[in-house]
N, C-alpha and C. Protein backbone atom coordinates (compact mmCIF):
# COMPACT_ATOMS: atom_id res chain seq x y z
N SER A 1 34.18 9.52 -29.98
CA SER A 1 32.87 10.14 -30.18
C SER A 1 31.84 9.64 -29.17
N TYR A 2 32.21 8.62 -28.39
CA TYR A 2 31.26 8.07 -27.42
C TYR A 2 30.90 9.09 -26.34
N TRP A 3 31.88 9.87 -25.87
CA TRP A 3 31.63 10.84 -24.81
C TRP A 3 31.31 12.23 -25.36
N VAL A 4 31.48 12.45 -26.64
CA VAL A 4 31.25 13.76 -27.23
C VAL A 4 29.85 13.86 -27.82
N ASP A 5 29.24 12.76 -28.16
CA ASP A 5 27.93 12.75 -28.81
C ASP A 5 26.87 13.38 -27.89
N THR A 6 26.23 14.45 -28.37
CA THR A 6 25.27 15.19 -27.54
C THR A 6 24.03 14.37 -27.20
N ARG A 7 23.54 13.58 -28.12
CA ARG A 7 22.34 12.79 -27.83
C ARG A 7 22.63 11.70 -26.80
N MET A 8 23.79 11.11 -26.88
CA MET A 8 24.17 10.10 -25.91
C MET A 8 24.31 10.73 -24.52
N ASN A 9 24.94 11.91 -24.46
CA ASN A 9 25.09 12.62 -23.18
C ASN A 9 23.73 13.06 -22.63
N ALA A 10 22.84 13.51 -23.51
CA ALA A 10 21.49 13.91 -23.06
C ALA A 10 20.76 12.70 -22.48
N ALA A 11 20.90 11.55 -23.10
CA ALA A 11 20.26 10.34 -22.59
C ALA A 11 20.83 9.95 -21.23
N ARG A 12 22.15 10.06 -21.07
CA ARG A 12 22.78 9.75 -19.78
C ARG A 12 22.31 10.71 -18.69
N ILE A 13 22.33 12.00 -18.99
CA ILE A 13 21.98 13.01 -17.98
C ILE A 13 20.52 12.89 -17.56
N THR A 14 19.62 12.79 -18.52
CA THR A 14 18.19 12.73 -18.18
C THR A 14 17.85 11.44 -17.44
N SER A 15 18.47 10.32 -17.80
CA SER A 15 18.17 9.09 -17.07
C SER A 15 18.76 9.15 -15.66
N GLY A 16 19.89 9.82 -15.49
CA GLY A 16 20.45 9.99 -14.15
C GLY A 16 19.56 10.86 -13.27
N ILE A 17 19.06 11.97 -13.85
CA ILE A 17 18.13 12.84 -13.10
C ILE A 17 16.85 12.08 -12.76
N ALA A 18 16.33 11.31 -13.69
CA ALA A 18 15.11 10.53 -13.44
C ALA A 18 15.34 9.51 -12.32
N SER A 19 16.51 8.89 -12.31
CA SER A 19 16.81 7.92 -11.25
C SER A 19 16.90 8.59 -9.89
N PHE A 20 17.53 9.78 -9.83
CA PHE A 20 17.62 10.51 -8.57
C PHE A 20 16.23 10.93 -8.09
N MET A 21 15.40 11.43 -9.01
CA MET A 21 14.03 11.83 -8.64
C MET A 21 13.22 10.62 -8.18
N ALA A 22 13.43 9.48 -8.80
CA ALA A 22 12.72 8.26 -8.38
C ALA A 22 13.11 7.89 -6.96
N PHE A 23 14.40 8.00 -6.65
CA PHE A 23 14.86 7.73 -5.28
C PHE A 23 14.20 8.68 -4.30
N CYS A 24 14.18 9.98 -4.62
CA CYS A 24 13.56 10.97 -3.72
C CYS A 24 12.07 10.69 -3.52
N CYS A 25 11.36 10.39 -4.60
CA CYS A 25 9.93 10.08 -4.48
C CYS A 25 9.70 8.82 -3.66
N MET A 26 10.57 7.84 -3.80
CA MET A 26 10.43 6.62 -3.02
C MET A 26 10.60 6.92 -1.54
N VAL A 27 11.60 7.72 -1.18
CA VAL A 27 11.83 8.07 0.22
C VAL A 27 10.64 8.87 0.75
N PHE A 28 10.17 9.87 -0.02
CA PHE A 28 9.02 10.67 0.43
C PHE A 28 7.76 9.82 0.57
N SER A 29 7.57 8.86 -0.31
CA SER A 29 6.40 7.98 -0.22
C SER A 29 6.47 7.11 1.02
N TRP A 30 7.62 6.53 1.28
CA TRP A 30 7.76 5.70 2.48
C TRP A 30 7.55 6.52 3.75
N CYS A 31 8.16 7.70 3.81
CA CYS A 31 7.97 8.56 4.97
C CYS A 31 6.51 9.02 5.07
N GLY A 32 5.89 9.29 3.93
CA GLY A 32 4.48 9.70 3.93
C GLY A 32 3.56 8.63 4.43
N PHE A 33 3.85 7.36 4.10
CA PHE A 33 3.04 6.27 4.62
C PHE A 33 3.19 6.16 6.13
N CYS A 34 4.40 6.37 6.62
CA CYS A 34 4.65 6.23 8.06
C CYS A 34 4.01 7.35 8.87
N CYS A 35 4.11 8.59 8.39
CA CYS A 35 3.59 9.72 9.17
C CYS A 35 2.16 10.09 8.80
N GLY A 36 1.62 9.49 7.76
CA GLY A 36 0.25 9.80 7.35
C GLY A 36 0.13 11.05 6.50
N CYS A 37 1.25 11.56 5.98
CA CYS A 37 1.22 12.79 5.18
C CYS A 37 0.59 12.59 3.81
N LEU A 38 0.50 11.34 3.35
CA LEU A 38 -0.06 11.11 2.02
C LEU A 38 -1.57 11.28 1.99
N SER A 39 -2.19 11.54 3.15
CA SER A 39 -3.62 11.80 3.13
C SER A 39 -3.94 13.23 2.70
N VAL A 40 -2.91 14.06 2.60
CA VAL A 40 -3.09 15.44 2.16
C VAL A 40 -2.95 15.48 0.64
N ARG A 41 -3.98 15.93 -0.01
CA ARG A 41 -4.04 15.88 -1.48
C ARG A 41 -2.91 16.64 -2.17
N PRO A 42 -2.51 17.85 -1.75
CA PRO A 42 -1.42 18.55 -2.45
C PRO A 42 -0.10 17.75 -2.46
N ILE A 43 0.17 17.00 -1.42
CA ILE A 43 1.39 16.18 -1.39
C ILE A 43 1.27 15.06 -2.41
N ARG A 44 0.10 14.42 -2.49
CA ARG A 44 -0.09 13.36 -3.48
C ARG A 44 0.02 13.91 -4.90
N ILE A 45 -0.53 15.08 -5.15
CA ILE A 45 -0.45 15.68 -6.48
C ILE A 45 1.00 16.01 -6.82
N THR A 46 1.76 16.53 -5.85
CA THR A 46 3.17 16.83 -6.09
C THR A 46 3.94 15.56 -6.46
N LEU A 47 3.72 14.48 -5.72
CA LEU A 47 4.39 13.22 -6.04
C LEU A 47 3.94 12.69 -7.41
N GLY A 48 2.69 12.88 -7.76
CA GLY A 48 2.21 12.46 -9.07
C GLY A 48 2.85 13.24 -10.21
N VAL A 49 2.99 14.54 -10.02
CA VAL A 49 3.64 15.37 -11.04
C VAL A 49 5.11 14.98 -11.17
N LEU A 50 5.77 14.72 -10.04
CA LEU A 50 7.17 14.29 -10.09
C LEU A 50 7.31 12.96 -10.84
N ALA A 51 6.37 12.04 -10.63
CA ALA A 51 6.42 10.76 -11.34
C ALA A 51 6.24 10.97 -12.84
N LEU A 52 5.39 11.91 -13.23
CA LEU A 52 5.20 12.21 -14.65
C LEU A 52 6.46 12.83 -15.26
N ILE A 53 7.11 13.71 -14.51
CA ILE A 53 8.37 14.30 -14.97
C ILE A 53 9.43 13.22 -15.13
N GLN A 54 9.45 12.26 -14.21
CA GLN A 54 10.40 11.15 -14.32
C GLN A 54 10.15 10.35 -15.60
N ALA A 55 8.88 10.14 -15.92
CA ALA A 55 8.56 9.40 -17.15
C ALA A 55 9.06 10.16 -18.38
N ILE A 56 8.90 11.47 -18.38
CA ILE A 56 9.37 12.27 -19.52
C ILE A 56 10.89 12.22 -19.62
N LEU A 57 11.57 12.35 -18.47
CA LEU A 57 13.03 12.30 -18.48
C LEU A 57 13.53 10.92 -18.90
N LEU A 58 12.85 9.88 -18.44
CA LEU A 58 13.28 8.53 -18.79
C LEU A 58 13.07 8.23 -20.27
N SER A 59 12.05 8.85 -20.85
CA SER A 59 11.82 8.60 -22.28
C SER A 59 12.96 9.14 -23.15
N CYS A 60 13.75 10.06 -22.60
CA CYS A 60 14.90 10.58 -23.34
C CYS A 60 15.99 9.53 -23.53
N ILE A 61 15.89 8.40 -22.84
CA ILE A 61 16.87 7.33 -23.02
C ILE A 61 16.85 6.80 -24.45
N PHE A 62 15.72 6.97 -25.12
CA PHE A 62 15.62 6.48 -26.49
C PHE A 62 16.34 7.38 -27.49
N LEU A 63 16.91 8.51 -27.01
CA LEU A 63 17.77 9.34 -27.86
C LEU A 63 19.04 8.59 -28.25
N VAL A 64 19.37 7.57 -27.46
CA VAL A 64 20.57 6.78 -27.75
C VAL A 64 20.46 6.16 -29.14
N ASN A 65 19.27 5.73 -29.51
CA ASN A 65 19.10 5.06 -30.81
C ASN A 65 19.38 5.99 -31.99
N SER A 66 19.24 7.30 -31.77
CA SER A 66 19.51 8.24 -32.86
C SER A 66 20.88 8.89 -32.72
N SER A 67 21.70 8.41 -31.78
CA SER A 67 23.00 9.02 -31.56
C SER A 67 23.99 8.59 -32.64
N GLU A 68 25.12 9.29 -32.69
CA GLU A 68 26.19 9.02 -33.66
C GLU A 68 26.75 7.61 -33.47
N VAL A 69 26.84 7.16 -32.23
CA VAL A 69 27.38 5.83 -31.94
C VAL A 69 26.53 4.75 -32.58
N CYS A 70 25.22 4.89 -32.50
CA CYS A 70 24.34 3.87 -33.07
C CYS A 70 24.29 3.95 -34.60
N ARG A 71 24.53 5.14 -35.16
CA ARG A 71 24.53 5.26 -36.62
C ARG A 71 25.78 4.65 -37.23
N VAL A 72 26.89 4.79 -36.53
CA VAL A 72 28.16 4.27 -37.04
C VAL A 72 28.22 2.75 -36.89
N SER A 73 27.92 2.29 -35.67
CA SER A 73 27.94 0.84 -35.44
C SER A 73 26.52 0.31 -35.54
N THR A 74 26.39 -0.89 -35.97
CA THR A 74 25.05 -1.48 -36.10
C THR A 74 24.69 -2.33 -34.89
N SER A 75 25.41 -2.12 -33.77
CA SER A 75 25.18 -2.94 -32.58
C SER A 75 24.03 -2.42 -31.71
N CYS A 76 23.46 -1.27 -32.03
CA CYS A 76 22.35 -0.74 -31.24
C CYS A 76 21.06 -1.41 -31.68
N SER A 77 20.41 -2.07 -30.77
CA SER A 77 19.13 -2.71 -31.09
C SER A 77 18.20 -2.59 -29.89
N PHE A 78 16.95 -2.74 -30.17
CA PHE A 78 15.92 -2.68 -29.13
C PHE A 78 15.81 -4.08 -28.54
N SER A 79 16.33 -4.25 -27.31
CA SER A 79 16.32 -5.58 -26.69
C SER A 79 15.73 -5.49 -25.29
N ALA A 80 16.24 -6.29 -24.38
CA ALA A 80 15.69 -6.34 -23.02
C ALA A 80 15.77 -5.00 -22.31
N GLY A 81 16.84 -4.25 -22.53
CA GLY A 81 16.98 -2.94 -21.91
C GLY A 81 15.89 -1.97 -22.35
N GLY A 82 15.58 -2.02 -23.65
CA GLY A 82 14.51 -1.16 -24.17
C GLY A 82 13.16 -1.56 -23.60
N GLY A 83 12.95 -2.87 -23.46
CA GLY A 83 11.68 -3.34 -22.86
C GLY A 83 11.55 -2.91 -21.41
N LEU A 84 12.67 -2.96 -20.66
CA LEU A 84 12.64 -2.51 -19.27
C LEU A 84 12.40 -1.00 -19.19
N ALA A 85 12.95 -0.24 -20.12
CA ALA A 85 12.72 1.21 -20.14
C ALA A 85 11.25 1.52 -20.40
N ILE A 86 10.64 0.78 -21.31
CA ILE A 86 9.21 0.99 -21.57
C ILE A 86 8.39 0.57 -20.35
N GLY A 87 8.78 -0.51 -19.69
CA GLY A 87 8.09 -0.92 -18.46
C GLY A 87 8.20 0.13 -17.37
N ALA A 88 9.38 0.75 -17.25
CA ALA A 88 9.56 1.82 -16.26
C ALA A 88 8.70 3.03 -16.61
N LEU A 89 8.61 3.36 -17.90
CA LEU A 89 7.74 4.47 -18.33
C LEU A 89 6.30 4.22 -17.92
N VAL A 90 5.83 3.00 -18.18
CA VAL A 90 4.45 2.65 -17.83
C VAL A 90 4.27 2.73 -16.31
N ALA A 91 5.26 2.26 -15.55
CA ALA A 91 5.17 2.31 -14.08
C ALA A 91 5.12 3.75 -13.58
N TYR A 92 5.95 4.64 -14.15
CA TYR A 92 5.94 6.04 -13.71
C TYR A 92 4.61 6.72 -14.04
N VAL A 93 4.09 6.48 -15.23
CA VAL A 93 2.81 7.08 -15.61
C VAL A 93 1.69 6.52 -14.72
N GLY A 94 1.73 5.22 -14.45
CA GLY A 94 0.74 4.61 -13.56
C GLY A 94 0.82 5.17 -12.15
N ALA A 95 2.03 5.36 -11.64
CA ALA A 95 2.20 5.96 -10.31
C ALA A 95 1.66 7.38 -10.29
N SER A 96 1.90 8.11 -11.36
CA SER A 96 1.41 9.48 -11.44
C SER A 96 -0.12 9.51 -11.37
N VAL A 97 -0.75 8.65 -12.13
CA VAL A 97 -2.22 8.60 -12.14
C VAL A 97 -2.75 8.19 -10.76
N LEU A 98 -2.12 7.18 -10.15
CA LEU A 98 -2.59 6.71 -8.84
C LEU A 98 -2.40 7.76 -7.75
N PHE A 99 -1.27 8.45 -7.77
CA PHE A 99 -1.06 9.50 -6.77
C PHE A 99 -2.09 10.61 -6.91
N CYS A 100 -2.36 11.03 -8.15
CA CYS A 100 -3.28 12.15 -8.36
C CYS A 100 -4.75 11.76 -8.18
N ALA A 101 -5.09 10.51 -8.46
CA ALA A 101 -6.50 10.11 -8.41
C ALA A 101 -6.90 9.50 -7.06
N ALA A 102 -5.95 9.19 -6.20
CA ALA A 102 -6.27 8.54 -4.93
C ALA A 102 -7.07 9.48 -4.04
N ARG A 103 -8.05 8.92 -3.36
CA ARG A 103 -8.87 9.69 -2.44
C ARG A 103 -8.46 9.37 -1.02
N SER A 104 -8.68 10.30 -0.13
CA SER A 104 -8.32 10.11 1.27
C SER A 104 -9.26 9.13 1.94
N GLU A 105 -8.73 8.37 2.91
CA GLU A 105 -9.57 7.50 3.70
C GLU A 105 -10.25 8.28 4.82
N GLU A 106 -9.69 9.45 5.12
CA GLU A 106 -10.25 10.25 6.19
C GLU A 106 -11.47 11.02 5.70
N ASN A 107 -12.20 11.59 6.63
CA ASN A 107 -13.36 12.40 6.32
C ASN A 107 -12.87 13.79 5.92
N THR A 108 -12.54 13.98 4.64
CA THR A 108 -12.01 15.25 4.17
C THR A 108 -12.83 15.73 2.99
N ASP A 109 -12.64 16.98 2.67
CA ASP A 109 -13.25 17.49 1.45
C ASP A 109 -12.32 17.26 0.26
N ASP A 110 -11.17 16.62 0.50
CA ASP A 110 -10.18 16.21 -0.50
C ASP A 110 -9.63 17.39 -1.30
N LYS A 111 -9.57 18.57 -0.66
CA LYS A 111 -8.94 19.72 -1.29
C LYS A 111 -7.75 20.19 -0.46
N GLY A 112 -7.28 19.33 0.44
CA GLY A 112 -6.15 19.68 1.27
C GLY A 112 -6.55 20.15 2.65
N ASP A 113 -7.81 20.49 2.86
CA ASP A 113 -8.26 20.93 4.17
C ASP A 113 -8.77 19.71 4.93
N ASP A 114 -7.83 18.95 5.49
CA ASP A 114 -8.21 17.72 6.18
C ASP A 114 -8.87 18.04 7.51
N GLN A 115 -9.88 17.25 7.82
CA GLN A 115 -10.58 17.37 9.08
C GLN A 115 -10.28 16.12 9.87
N LEU A 116 -10.83 16.05 11.06
CA LEU A 116 -10.64 14.84 11.85
C LEU A 116 -11.30 13.66 11.18
N PRO A 117 -10.70 12.46 11.30
CA PRO A 117 -11.41 11.29 10.80
C PRO A 117 -12.73 11.12 11.54
N TYR A 118 -13.66 10.41 10.94
CA TYR A 118 -14.99 10.25 11.51
C TYR A 118 -14.92 9.64 12.91
N ALA A 119 -14.08 8.63 13.08
CA ALA A 119 -13.98 7.97 14.38
C ALA A 119 -13.48 8.92 15.45
N ALA A 120 -12.49 9.74 15.12
CA ALA A 120 -11.96 10.68 16.10
C ALA A 120 -12.98 11.78 16.42
N ALA A 121 -13.74 12.17 15.42
CA ALA A 121 -14.75 13.22 15.65
C ALA A 121 -15.84 12.71 16.58
N THR A 122 -16.25 11.46 16.42
CA THR A 122 -17.28 10.93 17.30
C THR A 122 -16.73 10.66 18.69
N ALA A 123 -15.43 10.30 18.78
CA ALA A 123 -14.83 10.05 20.09
C ALA A 123 -14.67 11.36 20.86
N ALA A 124 -14.48 12.47 20.15
CA ALA A 124 -14.30 13.75 20.80
C ALA A 124 -15.59 14.22 21.46
N GLY A 125 -16.73 13.73 21.03
CA GLY A 125 -18.01 14.10 21.62
C GLY A 125 -18.56 15.35 20.98
N PRO A 126 -19.76 15.72 21.41
CA PRO A 126 -20.38 16.91 20.82
C PRO A 126 -19.67 18.19 21.26
N ALA A 127 -19.79 19.21 20.44
CA ALA A 127 -19.15 20.49 20.71
C ALA A 127 -19.86 21.21 21.85
N PRO A 128 -19.13 22.07 22.59
CA PRO A 128 -19.78 22.85 23.66
C PRO A 128 -20.92 23.69 23.10
N GLY A 129 -21.99 23.78 23.86
CA GLY A 129 -23.17 24.52 23.45
C GLY A 129 -24.19 23.68 22.71
N THR A 130 -23.87 22.43 22.45
CA THR A 130 -24.79 21.55 21.74
C THR A 130 -25.94 21.14 22.66
N VAL A 131 -27.14 21.24 22.13
CA VAL A 131 -28.33 20.84 22.88
C VAL A 131 -28.99 19.70 22.11
N THR A 132 -29.19 18.57 22.81
CA THR A 132 -29.83 17.41 22.20
C THR A 132 -31.12 17.12 22.94
N VAL A 133 -32.20 16.95 22.19
CA VAL A 133 -33.51 16.65 22.78
C VAL A 133 -33.98 15.30 22.26
N GLU A 134 -34.26 14.39 23.19
CA GLU A 134 -34.80 13.08 22.83
C GLU A 134 -36.18 12.95 23.46
N LYS A 135 -37.16 12.59 22.67
CA LYS A 135 -38.52 12.47 23.15
C LYS A 135 -39.01 11.05 22.84
N VAL A 136 -39.44 10.33 23.90
CA VAL A 136 -39.90 8.95 23.75
C VAL A 136 -41.33 8.86 24.29
N GLU A 137 -42.24 8.33 23.47
CA GLU A 137 -43.62 8.16 23.90
C GLU A 137 -43.89 6.67 24.08
N HIS A 138 -44.31 6.30 25.29
CA HIS A 138 -44.56 4.90 25.61
C HIS A 138 -46.01 4.53 25.29
N ALA A 139 -46.28 3.23 25.26
CA ALA A 139 -47.62 2.74 24.91
C ALA A 139 -48.69 3.18 25.91
N ASN A 140 -48.33 3.36 27.18
CA ASN A 140 -49.31 3.77 28.20
C ASN A 140 -49.59 5.27 28.18
N GLY A 141 -49.00 6.00 27.19
CA GLY A 141 -49.25 7.43 27.08
C GLY A 141 -48.21 8.30 27.75
N THR A 142 -47.30 7.70 28.49
CA THR A 142 -46.25 8.46 29.16
C THR A 142 -45.25 8.95 28.12
N VAL A 143 -44.88 10.23 28.25
CA VAL A 143 -43.90 10.83 27.35
C VAL A 143 -42.69 11.26 28.18
N VAL A 144 -41.51 10.77 27.78
CA VAL A 144 -40.27 11.12 28.47
C VAL A 144 -39.45 11.99 27.51
N THR A 145 -39.13 13.21 27.96
CA THR A 145 -38.32 14.14 27.19
C THR A 145 -36.99 14.33 27.90
N LYS A 146 -35.89 14.05 27.20
CA LYS A 146 -34.56 14.18 27.79
C LYS A 146 -33.80 15.24 27.00
N THR A 147 -33.40 16.32 27.69
CA THR A 147 -32.65 17.41 27.08
C THR A 147 -31.24 17.41 27.64
N THR A 148 -30.24 17.31 26.75
CA THR A 148 -28.84 17.29 27.17
C THR A 148 -28.14 18.51 26.58
N THR A 149 -27.49 19.29 27.46
CA THR A 149 -26.74 20.47 27.05
C THR A 149 -25.28 20.26 27.40
N VAL A 150 -24.38 20.46 26.42
CA VAL A 150 -22.95 20.30 26.65
C VAL A 150 -22.37 21.65 27.05
N ASN A 151 -21.68 21.68 28.20
CA ASN A 151 -21.07 22.91 28.71
C ASN A 151 -19.68 23.10 28.11
N ALA A 152 -19.12 24.29 28.30
CA ALA A 152 -17.81 24.62 27.74
C ALA A 152 -16.69 23.74 28.31
N ASP A 153 -16.83 23.30 29.57
CA ASP A 153 -15.79 22.46 30.18
C ASP A 153 -15.94 20.99 29.83
N GLY A 154 -16.92 20.63 28.99
CA GLY A 154 -17.12 19.24 28.58
C GLY A 154 -18.17 18.51 29.40
N SER A 155 -18.58 19.09 30.53
CA SER A 155 -19.62 18.45 31.33
C SER A 155 -20.98 18.63 30.64
N GLN A 156 -21.93 17.80 31.04
CA GLN A 156 -23.24 17.85 30.42
C GLN A 156 -24.32 18.06 31.47
N ASN A 157 -25.28 18.91 31.15
CA ASN A 157 -26.48 19.05 31.97
C ASN A 157 -27.59 18.24 31.30
N VAL A 158 -28.16 17.32 32.06
CA VAL A 158 -29.21 16.47 31.53
C VAL A 158 -30.49 16.78 32.29
N GLU A 159 -31.54 17.08 31.55
CA GLU A 159 -32.84 17.37 32.15
C GLU A 159 -33.83 16.37 31.57
N GLU A 160 -34.49 15.64 32.45
CA GLU A 160 -35.43 14.62 32.01
C GLU A 160 -36.82 14.96 32.55
N ILE A 161 -37.80 15.06 31.67
CA ILE A 161 -39.18 15.37 32.06
C ILE A 161 -40.04 14.18 31.66
N THR A 162 -40.78 13.67 32.63
CA THR A 162 -41.72 12.57 32.37
C THR A 162 -43.13 13.11 32.52
N GLU A 163 -43.93 12.98 31.48
CA GLU A 163 -45.32 13.44 31.49
C GLU A 163 -46.21 12.20 31.50
N THR A 164 -46.95 12.05 32.61
CA THR A 164 -47.84 10.90 32.75
C THR A 164 -49.29 11.41 32.74
N PRO A 165 -50.12 10.95 31.81
CA PRO A 165 -51.51 11.42 31.77
C PRO A 165 -52.33 10.77 32.90
N ILE A 166 -53.09 11.60 33.61
CA ILE A 166 -54.01 11.11 34.64
C ILE A 166 -55.39 11.65 34.25
N GLY A 167 -56.22 10.75 33.85
CA GLY A 167 -57.54 11.18 33.38
C GLY A 167 -57.36 12.03 32.13
N ASN A 168 -57.83 13.28 32.22
CA ASN A 168 -57.69 14.20 31.08
C ASN A 168 -56.54 15.18 31.29
N GLU A 169 -55.84 15.08 32.41
CA GLU A 169 -54.77 16.02 32.71
C GLU A 169 -53.41 15.33 32.62
N GLU A 170 -52.42 16.14 32.30
CA GLU A 170 -51.06 15.63 32.31
C GLU A 170 -50.32 16.25 33.48
N VAL A 171 -49.60 15.42 34.24
CA VAL A 171 -48.84 15.90 35.38
C VAL A 171 -47.35 15.70 35.05
N PRO A 172 -46.64 16.79 34.75
CA PRO A 172 -45.22 16.62 34.43
C PRO A 172 -44.38 16.38 35.68
N THR A 173 -43.45 15.51 35.57
CA THR A 173 -42.47 15.24 36.62
C THR A 173 -41.12 15.60 36.05
N GLN A 174 -40.38 16.45 36.75
CA GLN A 174 -39.12 16.93 36.22
C GLN A 174 -37.97 16.47 37.09
N MET A 175 -36.93 15.94 36.44
CA MET A 175 -35.73 15.55 37.15
C MET A 175 -34.56 16.17 36.39
N ALA A 176 -33.65 16.79 37.12
CA ALA A 176 -32.47 17.38 36.48
C ALA A 176 -31.23 16.89 37.21
N TYR A 177 -30.18 16.58 36.46
CA TYR A 177 -28.94 16.15 37.05
C TYR A 177 -27.80 16.51 36.12
N ASP A 178 -26.61 16.65 36.69
CA ASP A 178 -25.42 16.97 35.92
C ASP A 178 -24.60 15.70 35.75
N ALA A 179 -24.02 15.57 34.59
CA ALA A 179 -23.19 14.39 34.30
C ALA A 179 -21.87 14.86 33.74
N LYS A 180 -20.79 14.31 34.25
CA LYS A 180 -19.44 14.61 33.75
C LYS A 180 -19.03 13.46 32.85
N VAL A 181 -18.77 13.77 31.56
CA VAL A 181 -18.42 12.71 30.61
C VAL A 181 -16.96 12.79 30.26
């Protein structure tokens, strides 16, 4: 009756499937850490759901206690194996929560549409067509206005105007130069 008992077989099959799924999730997690795929939220949610399914499948191991083998013989007891099974259940549920609740370290909207990290975005520089105006007023009344325009090829046109007051009039001095960044 050991191999014929349906509850015992269900416990064996579900724990085997849970072990296989745990192996697959472990491999995917390791590969995800290496390639950076775990920063994408849908992948983390998928791994979290798989961990929850593993917990459900592993909980079927307790069907052994209600099997025909345990009813006939009194040798079935909750011991170290049962404690390890409960520990594994807690670990799977914890992994599920951590996978689903983890936030990306990158600058993302955390809905799967990942953008460049902040450091990479600043290293890439401003987008073509961007116009930046900096205006500095000195204590002697001189005003320096610097206008920078980014071209499509990545080069920048910089125009600097210095306005120096003479008496009641202002005399603008204009300097323009191109800079390749």
